[in-house]
C-alpha cells in the first residue's frame, strides 16, 4: 500500500530521472561539469597569481631587511665617528686654550654662512 517514493532516482544507475530519462540528465551533468572545470581553472589561475605575489612580497621583504641592516650598521659607524670627534674636540679645547676656541667659532660661523648661501641658491633655482 505505501510504496517507497524515489523521486525519480534510479538506484541501479545512480541517476535521477528513472529509466529512460538519462539523455537530459547527462546533458545537465556535462554542462555542470564543464562549468565546474571552468571555475577550477579560474581558481587555479588566481592561486598562481597569489603565489607569484607572495614570492614577490617575500623577496621585497628580504631586500628591505638587508637595506635596514646596512643602514643600522652605517648609523652605528657614524655614531662612533661623531663620538670620537667630540672627544677629540673636547681634548683640543682643553689643551689649546682660546686660540682653538676662536678657530672653532670661526669654522661654525663659516659653515652656517655656507649653508645659508646654499639654501638661498637652491630656492632661487626652483
PDB file of N, CA and C in Angstrom:
ATOM      1  N   UNK A   1       0.790  -1.167   0.000  1.00  0.00           N
ATOM      2  CA  UNK A   1       0.000   0.000   0.000  1.00  0.00           C
ATOM      3  C   UNK A   1       0.851   1.257   0.000  1.00  0.00           C
ATOM      4  N   UNK A   2       1.704   1.369   0.972  1.00  0.00           N
ATOM      5  CA  UNK A   2       2.594   2.513   0.972  1.00  0.00           C
ATOM      6  C   UNK A   2       3.901   2.102   0.332  1.00  0.00           C
ATOM      7  N   UNK A   3       4.114   2.532  -0.847  1.00  0.00           N
ATOM      8  CA  UNK A   3       5.354   2.200  -1.544  1.00  0.00           C
ATOM      9  C   UNK A   3       6.428   3.248  -1.277  1.00  0.00           C
ATOM     10  N   UNK A   4       7.636   2.892  -1.569  1.00  0.00           N
ATOM     11  CA  UNK A   4       8.726   3.843  -1.396  1.00  0.00           C
ATOM     12  C   UNK A   4       8.718   4.820  -2.550  1.00  0.00           C
ATOM     13  N   UNK A   5       8.956   6.054  -2.206  1.00  0.00           N
ATOM     14  CA  UNK A   5       8.987   7.079  -3.227  1.00  0.00           C
ATOM     15  C   UNK A   5      10.435   7.404  -3.523  1.00  0.00           C
ATOM     16  N   UNK A   6      10.827   7.309  -4.760  1.00  0.00           N
ATOM     17  CA  UNK A   6      12.234   7.527  -5.068  1.00  0.00           C
ATOM     18  C   UNK A   6      12.489   8.847  -5.789  1.00  0.00           C
ATOM     19  N   UNK A   7      11.472   9.651  -6.001  1.00  0.00           N
ATOM     20  CA  UNK A   7      11.601  10.961  -6.640  1.00  0.00           C
ATOM     21  C   UNK A   7      12.382  10.885  -7.951  1.00  0.00           C
ATOM     22  N   UNK A   8      12.203   9.837  -8.687  1.00  0.00           N
ATOM     23  CA  UNK A   8      12.853   9.724  -9.971  1.00  0.00           C
ATOM     24  C   UNK A   8      14.292   9.262  -9.912  1.00  0.00           C
ATOM     25  N   UNK A   9      14.740   8.736  -8.773  1.00  0.00           N
ATOM     26  CA  UNK A   9      16.120   8.286  -8.635  1.00  0.00           C
ATOM     27  C   UNK A   9      16.193   6.803  -8.918  1.00  0.00           C
ATOM     28  N   UNK A  10      17.059   6.420  -9.836  1.00  0.00           N
ATOM     29  CA  UNK A  10      17.239   5.015 -10.186  1.00  0.00           C
ATOM     30  C   UNK A  10      18.458   4.501  -9.417  1.00  0.00           C
ATOM     31  N   UNK A  11      18.260   3.633  -8.418  1.00  0.00           N
ATOM     32  CA  UNK A  11      19.385   3.163  -7.611  1.00  0.00           C
ATOM     33  C   UNK A  11      20.359   2.308  -8.393  1.00  0.00           C
ATOM     34  N   UNK A  12      19.937   1.679  -9.462  1.00  0.00           N
ATOM     35  CA  UNK A  12      20.854   0.822 -10.228  1.00  0.00           C
ATOM     36  C   UNK A  12      21.869   1.645 -11.011  1.00  0.00           C
ATOM     37  N   UNK A  13      21.410   2.745 -11.625  1.00  0.00           N
ATOM     38  CA  UNK A  13      22.337   3.544 -12.425  1.00  0.00           C
ATOM     39  C   UNK A  13      22.940   4.700 -11.629  1.00  0.00           C
ATOM     40  N   UNK A  14      22.306   5.038 -10.492  1.00  0.00           N
ATOM     41  CA  UNK A  14      22.802   6.143  -9.685  1.00  0.00           C
ATOM     42  C   UNK A  14      22.411   7.488 -10.256  1.00  0.00           C
ATOM     43  N   UNK A  15      21.391   7.536 -11.108  1.00  0.00           N
ATOM     44  CA  UNK A  15      20.974   8.783 -11.737  1.00  0.00           C
ATOM     45  C   UNK A  15      19.543   9.104 -11.372  1.00  0.00           C
ATOM     46  N   UNK A  16      19.250  10.368 -11.513  1.00  0.00           N
ATOM     47  CA  UNK A  16      17.867  10.800 -11.349  1.00  0.00           C
ATOM     48  C   UNK A  16      17.146  10.597 -12.673  1.00  0.00           C
ATOM     49  N   UNK A  17      15.872  10.582 -12.608  1.00  0.00           N
ATOM     50  CA  UNK A  17      15.080  10.505 -13.827  1.00  0.00           C
ATOM     51  C   UNK A  17      14.561   9.124 -14.121  1.00  0.00           C
ATOM     52  N   UNK A  18      14.947   8.166 -13.346  1.00  0.00           N
ATOM     53  CA  UNK A  18      14.424   6.810 -13.535  1.00  0.00           C
ATOM     54  C   UNK A  18      14.908   6.205 -14.837  1.00  0.00           C
ATOM     55  N   UNK A  19      14.148   5.332 -15.340  1.00  0.00           N
ATOM     56  CA  UNK A  19      14.516   4.616 -16.545  1.00  0.00           C
ATOM     57  C   UNK A  19      14.110   5.440 -17.745  1.00  0.00           C
ATOM     58  N   UNK A  20      15.029   5.589 -18.720  1.00  0.00           N
ATOM     59  CA  UNK A  20      14.693   6.242 -19.959  1.00  0.00           C
ATOM     60  C   UNK A  20      14.908   7.735 -19.958  1.00  0.00           C
ATOM     61  N   UNK A  21      15.211   8.414 -18.863  1.00  0.00           N
ATOM     62  CA  UNK A  21      15.390   9.871 -18.860  1.00  0.00           C
ATOM     63  C   UNK A  21      16.837  10.271 -18.756  1.00  0.00           C
ATOM     64  N   UNK A  22      17.756   9.441 -19.173  1.00  0.00           N
ATOM     65  CA  UNK A  22      19.177   9.686 -18.973  1.00  0.00           C
ATOM     66  C   UNK A  22      19.766  10.739 -19.874  1.00  0.00           C
ATOM     67  N   UNK A  23      19.256  10.956 -21.064  1.00  0.00           N
ATOM     68  CA  UNK A  23      19.851  11.904 -22.002  1.00  0.00           C
ATOM     69  C   UNK A  23      19.842  13.324 -21.482  1.00  0.00           C
ATOM     70  N   UNK A  24      18.710  13.734 -20.948  1.00  0.00           N
ATOM     71  CA  UNK A  24      18.582  15.085 -20.406  1.00  0.00           C
ATOM     72  C   UNK A  24      19.497  15.274 -19.206  1.00  0.00           C
ATOM     73  N   UNK A  25      19.533  14.281 -18.339  1.00  0.00           N
ATOM     74  CA  UNK A  25      20.366  14.361 -17.142  1.00  0.00           C
ATOM     75  C   UNK A  25      21.846  14.322 -17.483  1.00  0.00           C
ATOM     76  N   UNK A  26      22.214  13.547 -18.493  1.00  0.00           N
ATOM     77  CA  UNK A  26      23.615  13.514 -18.916  1.00  0.00           C
ATOM     78  C   UNK A  26      24.040  14.870 -19.457  1.00  0.00           C
ATOM     79  N   UNK A  27      23.161  15.523 -20.198  1.00  0.00           N
ATOM     80  CA  UNK A  27      23.473  16.846 -20.738  1.00  0.00           C
ATOM     81  C   UNK A  27      23.663  17.848 -19.604  1.00  0.00           C
ATOM     82  N   UNK A  28      22.761  17.814 -18.631  1.00  0.00           N
ATOM     83  CA  UNK A  28      22.902  18.698 -17.465  1.00  0.00           C
ATOM     84  C   UNK A  28      24.190  18.414 -16.717  1.00  0.00           C
ATOM     85  N   UNK A  29      24.498  17.157 -16.541  1.00  0.00           N
ATOM     86  CA  UNK A  29      25.720  16.777 -15.828  1.00  0.00           C
ATOM     87  C   UNK A  29      26.945  17.268 -16.582  1.00  0.00           C
ATOM     88  N   UNK A  30      26.928  17.149 -17.925  1.00  0.00           N
ATOM     89  CA  UNK A  30      28.063  17.622 -18.727  1.00  0.00           C
ATOM     90  C   UNK A  30      28.205  19.133 -18.633  1.00  0.00           C
ATOM     91  N   UNK A  31      27.083  19.843 -18.663  1.00  0.00           N
ATOM     92  CA  UNK A  31      27.126  21.304 -18.537  1.00  0.00           C
ATOM     93  C   UNK A  31      27.678  21.704 -17.174  1.00  0.00           C
ATOM     94  N   UNK A  32      27.172  21.066 -16.136  1.00  0.00           N
ATOM     95  CA  UNK A  32      27.655  21.375 -14.789  1.00  0.00           C
ATOM     96  C   UNK A  32      29.129  21.038 -14.635  1.00  0.00           C
ATOM     97  N   UNK A  33      29.548  19.930 -15.216  1.00  0.00           N
ATOM     98  CA  UNK A  33      30.958  19.537 -15.126  1.00  0.00           C
ATOM     99  C   UNK A  33      31.850  20.528 -15.860  1.00  0.00           C
ATOM    100  N   UNK A  34      31.403  20.985 -17.033  1.00  0.00           N
ATOM    101  CA  UNK A  34      32.218  21.962 -17.768  1.00  0.00           C
ATOM    102  C   UNK A  34      32.275  23.294 -17.009  1.00  0.00           C
ATOM    103  N   UNK A  35      31.165  23.701 -16.379  1.00  0.00           N
ATOM    104  CA  UNK A  35      31.191  24.916 -15.571  1.00  0.00           C
ATOM    105  C   UNK A  35      32.121  24.757 -14.366  1.00  0.00           C
ATOM    106  N   UNK A  36      32.079  23.598 -13.761  1.00  0.00           N
ATOM    107  CA  UNK A  36      32.989  23.334 -12.634  1.00  0.00           C
ATOM    108  C   UNK A  36      34.442  23.382 -13.088  1.00  0.00           C
ATOM    109  N   UNK A  37      34.714  22.800 -14.249  1.00  0.00           N
ATOM    110  CA  UNK A  37      36.080  22.826 -14.779  1.00  0.00           C
ATOM    111  C   UNK A  37      36.536  24.257 -15.068  1.00  0.00           C
ATOM    112  N   UNK A  38      35.640  25.085 -15.595  1.00  0.00           N
ATOM    113  CA  UNK A  38      35.982  26.491 -15.836  1.00  0.00           C
ATOM    114  C   UNK A  38      36.293  27.197 -14.524  1.00  0.00           C
ATOM    115  N   UNK A  39      35.470  26.960 -13.520  1.00  0.00           N
ATOM    116  CA  UNK A  39      35.693  27.586 -12.214  1.00  0.00           C
ATOM    117  C   UNK A  39      37.009  27.097 -11.595  1.00  0.00           C
ATOM    118  N   UNK A  40      37.291  25.828 -11.765  1.00  0.00           N
ATOM    119  CA  UNK A  40      38.551  25.274 -11.240  1.00  0.00           C
ATOM    120  C   UNK A  40      39.730  25.925 -11.940  1.00  0.00           C
ATOM    121  N   UNK A  41      39.638  26.115 -13.253  1.00  0.00           N
ATOM    122  CA  UNK A  41      40.722  26.767 -13.997  1.00  0.00           C
ATOM    123  C   UNK A  41      40.900  28.218 -13.547  1.00  0.00           C
ATOM    124  N   UNK A  42      39.782  28.933 -13.349  1.00  0.00           N
ATOM    125  CA  UNK A  42      39.866  30.309 -12.857  1.00  0.00           C
ATOM    126  C   UNK A  42      40.507  30.353 -11.485  1.00  0.00           C
ATOM    127  N   UNK A  43      40.099  29.448 -10.619  1.00  0.00           N
ATOM    128  CA  UNK A  43      40.658  29.396  -9.272  1.00  0.00           C
ATOM    129  C   UNK A  43      42.149  29.065  -9.321  1.00  0.00           C
ATOM    130  N   UNK A  44      42.516  28.161 -10.203  1.00  0.00           N
ATOM    131  CA  UNK A  44      43.922  27.797 -10.357  1.00  0.00           C
ATOM    132  C   UNK A  44      44.749  29.001 -10.816  1.00  0.00           C
ATOM    133  N   UNK A  45      44.208  29.782 -11.750  1.00  0.00           N
ATOM    134  CA  UNK A  45      44.907  30.984 -12.209  1.00  0.00           C
ATOM    135  C   UNK A  45      45.076  31.990 -11.076  1.00  0.00           C
ATOM    136  N   UNK A  46      44.025  32.162 -10.279  1.00  0.00           N
ATOM    137  CA  UNK A  46      44.106  33.103  -9.159  1.00  0.00           C
ATOM    138  C   UNK A  46      45.110  32.629  -8.114  1.00  0.00           C
ATOM    139  N   UNK A  47      45.149  31.348  -7.858  1.00  0.00           N
ATOM    140  CA  UNK A  47      46.121  30.804  -6.898  1.00  0.00           C
ATOM    141  C   UNK A  47      47.538  31.017  -7.421  1.00  0.00           C
ATOM    142  N   UNK A  48      47.744  30.824  -8.727  1.00  0.00           N
ATOM    143  CA  UNK A  48      49.073  31.040  -9.312  1.00  0.00           C
ATOM    144  C   UNK A  48      49.483  32.506  -9.188  1.00  0.00           C
ATOM    145  N   UNK A  49      48.538  33.424  -9.419  1.00  0.00           N
ATOM    146  CA  UNK A  49      48.852  34.849  -9.269  1.00  0.00           C
ATOM    147  C   UNK A  49      49.175  35.182  -7.820  1.00  0.00           C
ATOM    148  N   UNK A  50      48.408  34.631  -6.893  1.00  0.00           N
ATOM    149  CA  UNK A  50      48.684  34.871  -5.474  1.00  0.00           C
ATOM    150  C   UNK A  50      50.036  34.309  -5.063  1.00  0.00           C
ATOM    151  N   UNK A  51      50.385  33.159  -5.609  1.00  0.00           N
ATOM    152  CA  UNK A  51      51.687  32.565  -5.305  1.00  0.00           C
ATOM    153  C   UNK A  51      52.800  33.483  -5.791  1.00  0.00           C
ATOM    154  N   UNK A  52      52.661  33.986  -7.011  1.00  0.00           N
ATOM    155  CA  UNK A  52      53.665  34.912  -7.540  1.00  0.00           C
ATOM    156  C   UNK A  52      53.762  36.177  -6.715  1.00  0.00           C
ATOM    157  N   UNK A  53      52.602  36.673  -6.280  1.00  0.00           N
ATOM    158  CA  UNK A  53      52.582  37.882  -5.465  1.00  0.00           C
ATOM    159  C   UNK A  53      53.260  37.659  -4.119  1.00  0.00           C
ATOM    160  N   UNK A  54      52.995  36.530  -3.497  1.00  0.00           N
ATOM    161  CA  UNK A  54      53.628  36.254  -2.199  1.00  0.00           C
ATOM    162  C   UNK A  54      55.130  36.053  -2.347  1.00  0.00           C
ATOM    163  N   UNK A  55      55.562  35.473  -3.444  1.00  0.00           N
ATOM    164  CA  UNK A  55      57.002  35.323  -3.692  1.00  0.00           C
ATOM    165  C   UNK A  55      57.639  36.695  -3.859  1.00  0.00           C
ATOM    166  N   UNK A  56      56.979  37.581  -4.608  1.00  0.00           N
ATOM    167  CA  UNK A  56      57.495  38.943  -4.793  1.00  0.00           C
ATOM    168  C   UNK A  56      57.539  39.698  -3.474  1.00  0.00           C
ATOM    169  N   UNK A  57      56.501  39.542  -2.659  1.00  0.00           N
ATOM    170  CA  UNK A  57      56.479  40.214  -1.355  1.00  0.00           C
ATOM    171  C   UNK A  57      57.615  39.691  -0.480  1.00  0.00           C
ATOM    172  N   UNK A  58      57.831  38.379  -0.481  1.00  0.00           N
ATOM    173  CA  UNK A  58      58.926  37.799   0.308  1.00  0.00           C
ATOM    174  C   UNK A  58      60.281  38.334  -0.131  1.00  0.00           C
ATOM    175  N   UNK A  59      60.488  38.440  -1.442  1.00  0.00           N
ATOM    176  CA  UNK A  59      61.752  38.975  -1.951  1.00  0.00           C
ATOM    177  C   UNK A  59      61.928  40.432  -1.536  1.00  0.00           C
ATOM    178  N   UNK A  60      60.862  41.199  -1.637  1.00  0.00           N
ATOM    179  CA  UNK A  60      60.924  42.614  -1.255  1.00  0.00           C
ATOM    180  C   UNK A  60      61.216  42.761   0.230  1.00  0.00           C
ATOM    181  N   UNK A  61      60.609  41.928   1.053  1.00  0.00           N
ATOM    182  CA  UNK A  61      60.855  41.995   2.499  1.00  0.00           C
ATOM    183  C   UNK A  61      62.311  41.665   2.818  1.00  0.00           C
ATOM    184  N   UNK A  62      62.850  40.629   2.166  1.00  0.00           N
ATOM    185  CA  UNK A  62      64.259  40.292   2.394  1.00  0.00           C
ATOM    186  C   UNK A  62      65.182  41.430   1.971  1.00  0.00           C
ATOM    187  N   UNK A  63      64.874  42.038   0.837  1.00  0.00           N
ATOM    188  CA  UNK A  63      65.685  43.159   0.349  1.00  0.00           C
ATOM    189  C   UNK A  63      65.606  44.353   1.298  1.00  0.00           C
ATOM    190  N   UNK A  64      64.400  44.663   1.774  1.00  0.00           N
ATOM    191  CA  UNK A  64      64.234  45.786   2.698  1.00  0.00           C
ATOM    192  C   UNK A  64      64.931  45.505   4.032  1.00  0.00           C
ATOM    193  N   UNK A  65      64.865  44.265   4.519  1.00  0.00           N
ATOM    194  CA  UNK A  65      65.566  43.919   5.765  1.00  0.00           C
ATOM    195  C   UNK A  65      67.072  44.088   5.613  1.00  0.00           C
ATOM    196  N   UNK A  66      67.589  43.672   4.470  1.00  0.00           N
ATOM    197  CA  UNK A  66      69.018  43.836   4.217  1.00  0.00           C
ATOM    198  C   UNK A  66      69.393  45.314   4.188  1.00  0.00           C
ATOM    199  N   UNK A  67      68.573  46.117   3.526  1.00  0.00           N
ATOM    200  CA  UNK A  67      68.831  47.553   3.464  1.00  0.00           C
ATOM    201  C   UNK A  67      68.784  48.171   4.858  1.00  0.00           C
ATOM    202  N   UNK A  68      67.803  47.783   5.656  1.00  0.00           N
ATOM    203  CA  UNK A  68      67.700  48.322   7.018  1.00  0.00           C
ATOM    204  C   UNK A  68      68.882  47.895   7.882  1.00  0.00           C
ATOM    205  N   UNK A  69      69.338  46.657   7.715  1.00  0.00           N
ATOM    206  CA  UNK A  69      70.519  46.208   8.471  1.00  0.00           C
ATOM    207  C   UNK A  69      71.739  47.038   8.099  1.00  0.00           C
ATOM    208  N   UNK A  70      71.907  47.289   6.793  1.00  0.00           N
ATOM    209  CA  UNK A  70      73.039  48.100   6.348  1.00  0.00           C
ATOM    210  C   UNK A  70      72.930  49.531   6.866  1.00  0.00           C
ATOM    211  N   UNK A  71      71.714  50.084   6.879  1.00  0.00           N
ATOM    212  CA  UNK A  71      71.531  51.435   7.415  1.00  0.00           C
ATOM    213  C   UNK A  71      71.842  51.476   8.905  1.00  0.00           C
ATOM    214  N   UNK A  72      71.407  50.456   9.634  1.00  0.00           N
ATOM    215  CA  UNK A  72      71.702  50.396  11.063  1.00  0.00           C
ATOM    216  C   UNK A  72      73.196  50.352  11.317  1.00  0.00           C
ATOM    217  N   UNK A  73      73.906  49.540  10.528  1.00  0.00           N
ATOM    218  CA  UNK A  73      75.365  49.478  10.673  1.00  0.00           C
ATOM    219  C   UNK A  73      76.001  50.824  10.353  1.00  0.00           C
ATOM    220  N   UNK A  74      75.481  51.486   9.317  1.00  0.00           N
ATOM    221  CA  UNK A  74      76.006  52.803   8.945  1.00  0.00           C
ATOM    222  C   UNK A  74      75.782  53.828  10.040  1.00  0.00           C
ATOM    223  N   UNK A  75      74.595  53.804  10.657  1.00  0.00           N
ATOM    224  CA  UNK A  75      74.318  54.740  11.745  1.00  0.00           C
ATOM    225  C   UNK A  75      75.206  54.454  12.955  1.00  0.00           C
ATOM    226  N   UNK A  76      75.448  53.186  13.244  1.00  0.00           N
ATOM    227  CA  UNK A  76      76.349  52.865  14.353  1.00  0.00           C
ATOM    228  C   UNK A  76      77.752  53.389  14.082  1.00  0.00           C
ATOM    229  N   UNK A  77      78.218  53.208  12.850  1.00  0.00           N
ATOM    230  CA  UNK A  77      79.552  53.683  12.472  1.00  0.00           C
ATOM    231  C   UNK A  77      79.602  55.209  12.563  1.00  0.00           C
ATOM    232  N   UNK A  78      78.565  55.888  12.090  1.00  0.00           N
ATOM    233  CA  UNK A  78      78.515  57.346  12.152  1.00  0.00           C
ATOM    234  C   UNK A  78      78.478  57.826  13.600  1.00  0.00           C
ATOM    235  N   UNK A  79      77.718  57.137  14.443  1.00  0.00           N
ATOM    236  CA  UNK A  79      77.676  57.495  15.858  1.00  0.00           C
ATOM    237  C   UNK A  79      79.039  57.358  16.514  1.00  0.00           C
ATOM    238  N   UNK A  80      79.756  56.284  16.168  1.00  0.00           N
ATOM    239  CA  UNK A  80      81.099  56.104  16.713  1.00  0.00           C
ATOM    240  C   UNK A  80      82.035  57.209  16.247  1.00  0.00           C
ATOM    241  N   UNK A  81      81.935  57.579  14.954  1.00  0.00           N
ATOM    242  CA  UNK A  81      82.775  58.660  14.435  1.00  0.00           C
ATOM    243  C   UNK A  81      82.468  59.982  15.130  1.00  0.00           C
ATOM    244  N   UNK A  82      81.190  60.270  15.319  1.00  0.00           N
ATOM    245  CA  UNK A  82      80.787  61.508  15.974  1.00  0.00           C
ATOM    246  C   UNK A  82      81.262  61.539  17.425  1.00  0.00           C
ATOM    247  N   UNK A  83      81.134  60.419  18.108  1.00  0.00           N
ATOM    248  CA  UNK A  83      81.577  60.341  19.499  1.00  0.00           C
ATOM    249  C   UNK A  83      83.083  60.576  19.605  1.00  0.00           C
ATOM    250  N   UNK A  84      83.851  59.931  18.713  1.00  0.00           N
ATOM    251  CA  UNK A  84      85.307  60.118  18.765  1.00  0.00           C
ATOM    252  C   UNK A  84      85.688  61.543  18.364  1.00  0.00           C
ATOM    253  N   UNK A  85      84.948  62.133  17.406  1.00  0.00           N
ATOM    254  CA  UNK A  85      85.236  63.522  17.019  1.00  0.00           C
ATOM    255  C   UNK A  85      84.956  64.471  18.177  1.00  0.00           C
ATOM    256  N   UNK A  86      83.847  64.268  18.871  1.00  0.00           N
ATOM    257  CA  UNK A  86      83.535  65.129  20.012  1.00  0.00           C
ATOM    258  C   UNK A  86      84.566  64.962  21.122  1.00  0.00           C
ATOM    259  N   UNK A  87      85.045  63.765  21.314  1.00  0.00           N
ATOM    260  CA  UNK A  87      86.088  63.532  22.314  1.00  0.00           C
ATOM    261  C   UNK A  87      87.357  64.291  21.936  1.00  0.00           C
ATOM    262  N   UNK A  88      87.730  64.212  20.650  1.00  0.00           N
ATOM    263  CA  UNK A  88      88.929  64.927  20.186  1.00  0.00           C
ATOM    264  C   UNK A  88      88.741  66.442  20.294  1.00  0.00           C
ATOM    265  N   UNK A  89      87.526  66.932  19.969  1.00  0.00           N
ATOM    266  CA  UNK A  89      87.273  68.372  20.068  1.00  0.00           C
ATOM    267  C   UNK A  89      87.361  68.803  21.531  1.00  0.00           C
ATOM    268  N   UNK A  90      86.797  68.007  22.424  1.00  0.00           N
ATOM    269  CA  UNK A  90      86.886  68.325  23.856  1.00  0.00           C
ATOM    270  C   UNK A  90      88.320  68.347  24.333  1.00  0.00           C
ATOM    271  N   UNK A  91      89.120  67.384  23.901  1.00  0.00           N
ATOM    272  CA  UNK A  91      90.534  67.335  24.278  1.00  0.00           C
ATOM    273  C   UNK A  91      91.267  68.546  23.717  1.00  0.00           C
ATOM    274  N   UNK A  92      90.965  68.898  22.454  1.00  0.00           N
ATOM    275  CA  UNK A  92      91.616  70.032  21.821  1.00  0.00           C
ATOM    276  C   UNK A  92      91.272  71.329  22.542  1.00  0.00           C
ATOM    277  N   UNK A  93      90.007  71.489  22.930  1.00  0.00           N
ATOM    278  CA  UNK A  93      89.603  72.707  23.615  1.00  0.00           C
ATOM    279  C   UNK A  93      90.235  72.802  24.993  1.00  0.00           C
ATOM    280  N   UNK A  94      90.392  71.678  25.655  1.00  0.00           N
ATOM    281  CA  UNK A  94      91.010  71.703  26.986  1.00  0.00           C
ATOM    282  C   UNK A  94      92.490  72.052  26.907  1.00  0.00           C
ATOM    283  N   UNK A  95      93.170  71.556  25.897  1.00  0.00           N
ATOM    284  CA  UNK A  95      94.614  71.767  25.812  1.00  0.00           C
ATOM    285  C   UNK A  95      94.985  73.010  25.012  1.00  0.00           C
ATOM    286  N   UNK A  96      94.150  73.444  24.094  1.00  0.00           N
ATOM    287  CA  UNK A  96      94.531  74.529  23.188  1.00  0.00           C
ATOM    288  C   UNK A  96      94.246  75.910  23.716  1.00  0.00           C
ATOM    289  N   UNK A  97      93.318  76.090  24.570  1.00  0.00           N
ATOM    290  CA  UNK A  97      93.005  77.408  25.105  1.00  0.00           C
ATOM    291  C   UNK A  97      92.116  78.199  24.167  1.00  0.00           C
ATOM    292  N   UNK A  98      92.250  79.520  24.223  1.00  0.00           N
ATOM    293  CA  UNK A  98      91.353  80.419  23.500  1.00  0.00           C
ATOM    294  C   UNK A  98      91.606  80.418  22.006  1.00  0.00           C
ATOM    295  N   UNK A  99      92.825  80.168  21.605  1.00  0.00           N
ATOM    296  CA  UNK A  99      93.151  80.175  20.169  1.00  0.00           C
ATOM    297  C   UNK A  99      92.317  79.132  19.428  1.00  0.00           C
ATOM    298  N   UNK A 100      92.263  77.931  19.948  1.00  0.00           N
ATOM    299  CA  UNK A 100      91.474  76.871  19.301  1.00  0.00           C
ATOM    300  C   UNK A 100      89.971  77.151  19.390  1.00  0.00           C
ATOM    301  N   UNK A 101      89.540  77.810  20.468  1.00  0.00           N
ATOM    302  CA  UNK A 101      88.136  78.159  20.608  1.00  0.00           C
ATOM    303  C   UNK A 101      87.732  79.167  19.535  1.00  0.00           C
ATOM    304  N   UNK A 102      88.593  80.131  19.236  1.00  0.00           N
ATOM    305  CA  UNK A 102      88.313  81.104  18.183  1.00  0.00           C
ATOM    306  C   UNK A 102      88.246  80.423  16.813  1.00  0.00           C
ATOM    307  N   UNK A 103      89.149  79.500  16.571  1.00  0.00           N
ATOM    308  CA  UNK A 103      89.100  78.747  15.306  1.00  0.00           C
ATOM    309  C   UNK A 103      87.785  77.968  15.182  1.00  0.00           C
ATOM    310  N   UNK A 104      87.361  77.384  16.281  1.00  0.00           N
ATOM    311  CA  UNK A 104      86.117  76.612  16.281  1.00  0.00           C
ATOM    312  C   UNK A 104      84.926  77.516  16.002  1.00  0.00           C
ATOM    313  N   UNK A 105      84.874  78.673  16.635  1.00  0.00           N
ATOM    314  CA  UNK A 105      83.772  79.612  16.413  1.00  0.00           C
ATOM    315  C   UNK A 105      83.795  80.111  14.975  1.00  0.00           C
ATOM    316  N   UNK A 106      84.959  80.428  14.441  1.00  0.00           N
ATOM    317  CA  UNK A 106      85.068  80.898  13.053  1.00  0.00           C
ATOM    318  C   UNK A 106      84.610  79.814  12.087  1.00  0.00           C
ATOM    319  N   UNK A 107      84.992  78.596  12.349  1.00  0.00           N
ATOM    320  CA  UNK A 107      84.553  77.497  11.489  1.00  0.00           C
ATOM    321  C   UNK A 107      83.039  77.354  11.511  1.00  0.00           C
ATOM    322  N   UNK A 108      82.438  77.433  12.692  1.00  0.00           N
ATOM    323  CA  UNK A 108      80.973  77.309  12.803  1.00  0.00           C
ATOM    324  C   UNK A 108      80.272  78.441  12.069  1.00  0.00           C
ATOM    325  N   UNK A 109      80.791  79.670  12.195  1.00  0.00           N
ATOM    326  CA  UNK A 109      80.188  80.814  11.501  1.00  0.00           C
ATOM    327  C   UNK A 109      80.297  80.624   9.993  1.00  0.00           C
ATOM    328  N   UNK A 110      81.459  80.199   9.520  1.00  0.00           N
ATOM    329  CA  UNK A 110      81.638  79.969   8.078  1.00  0.00           C
ATOM    330  C   UNK A 110      80.718  78.853   7.581  1.00  0.00           C
ATOM    331  N   UNK A 111      80.582  77.790   8.348  1.00  0.00           N
ATOM    332  CA  UNK A 111      79.706  76.680   7.949  1.00  0.00           C
ATOM    333  C   UNK A 111      78.258  77.146   7.881  1.00  0.00           C
ATOM    334  N   UNK A 112      77.810  77.956   8.851  1.00  0.00           N
ATOM    335  CA  UNK A 112      76.439  78.476   8.833  1.00  0.00           C
ATOM    336  C   UNK A 112      76.218  79.400   7.639  1.00  0.00           C
ATOM    337  N   UNK A 113      77.185  80.261   7.340  1.00  0.00           N
ATOM    338  CA  UNK A 113      77.059  81.152   6.176  1.00  0.00           C
ATOM    339  C   UNK A 113      76.989  80.344   4.888  1.00  0.00           C
ATOM    340  N   UNK A 114      77.812  79.312   4.776  1.00  0.00           N
ATOM    341  CA  UNK A 114      77.783  78.470   3.581  1.00  0.00           C
ATOM    342  C   UNK A 114      76.434  77.767   3.435  1.00  0.00           C
ATOM    343  N   UNK A 115      75.907  77.237   4.516  1.00  0.00           N
ATOM    344  CA  UNK A 115      74.596  76.575   4.460  1.00  0.00           C
ATOM    345  C   UNK A 115      73.492  77.563   4.096  1.00  0.00           C
ATOM    346  N   UNK A 116      73.558  78.802   4.655  1.00  0.00           N
ATOM    347  CA  UNK A 116      72.564  79.823   4.307  1.00  0.00           C
ATOM    348  C   UNK A 116      72.640  80.167   2.824  1.00  0.00           C
ATOM    349  N   UNK A 117      73.871  80.349   2.321  1.00  0.00           N
ATOM    350  CA  UNK A 117      74.055  80.641   0.894  1.00  0.00           C
ATOM    351  C   UNK A 117      73.545  79.486   0.031  1.00  0.00           C
ATOM    352  N   UNK A 118      73.830  78.263   0.427  1.00  0.00           N
ATOM    353  CA  UNK A 118      73.390  77.093  -0.329  1.00  0.00           C
ATOM    354  C   UNK A 118      71.870  77.013  -0.356  1.00  0.00           C
ATOM    355  N   UNK A 119      71.205  77.268   0.754  1.00  0.00           N
ATOM    356  CA  UNK A 119      69.740  77.220   0.788  1.00  0.00           C
ATOM    357  C   UNK A 119      69.134  78.328  -0.054  1.00  0.00           C
ATOM    358  N   UNK A 120      69.718  79.530  -0.008  1.00  0.00           N
ATOM    359  CA  UNK A 120      69.166  80.630  -0.820  1.00  0.00           C
ATOM    360  C   UNK A 120      69.419  80.371  -2.299  1.00  0.00           C
ATOM    361  N   UNK A 121      70.531  79.774  -2.649  1.00  0.00           N
ATOM    362  CA  UNK A 121      70.823  79.437  -4.047  1.00  0.00           C
ATOM    363  C   UNK A 121      69.824  78.381  -4.553  1.00  0.00           C
ATOM    364  N   UNK A 122      69.517  77.375  -3.713  1.00  0.00           N
ATOM    365  CA  UNK A 122      68.556  76.337  -4.107  1.00  0.00           C
ATOM    366  C   UNK A 122      67.157  76.907  -4.293  1.00  0.00           C
ATOM    367  N   UNK A 123      66.769  77.841  -3.421  1.00  0.00           N
ATOM    368  CA  UNK A 123      65.411  78.400  -3.542  1.00  0.00           C
ATOM    369  C   UNK A 123      65.287  79.283  -4.785  1.00  0.00           C
ATOM    370  N   UNK A 124      66.353  79.937  -5.209  1.00  0.00           N
ATOM    371  CA  UNK A 124      66.334  80.758  -6.426  1.00  0.00           C
ATOM    372  C   UNK A 124      66.262  79.893  -7.674  1.00  0.00           C
ATOM    373  N   UNK A 125      66.915  78.714  -7.644  1.00  0.00           N
ATOM    374  CA  UNK A 125      66.933  77.836  -8.821  1.00  0.00           C
ATOM    375  C   UNK A 125      65.592  77.160  -9.028  1.00  0.00           C
ATOM    376  N   UNK A 126      64.800  76.984  -7.972  1.00  0.00           N
ATOM    377  CA  UNK A 126      63.479  76.362  -8.104  1.00  0.00           C
ATOM    378  C   UNK A 126      62.489  77.396  -8.479  1.00  0.00           C
TER     379      UNK A 126
END
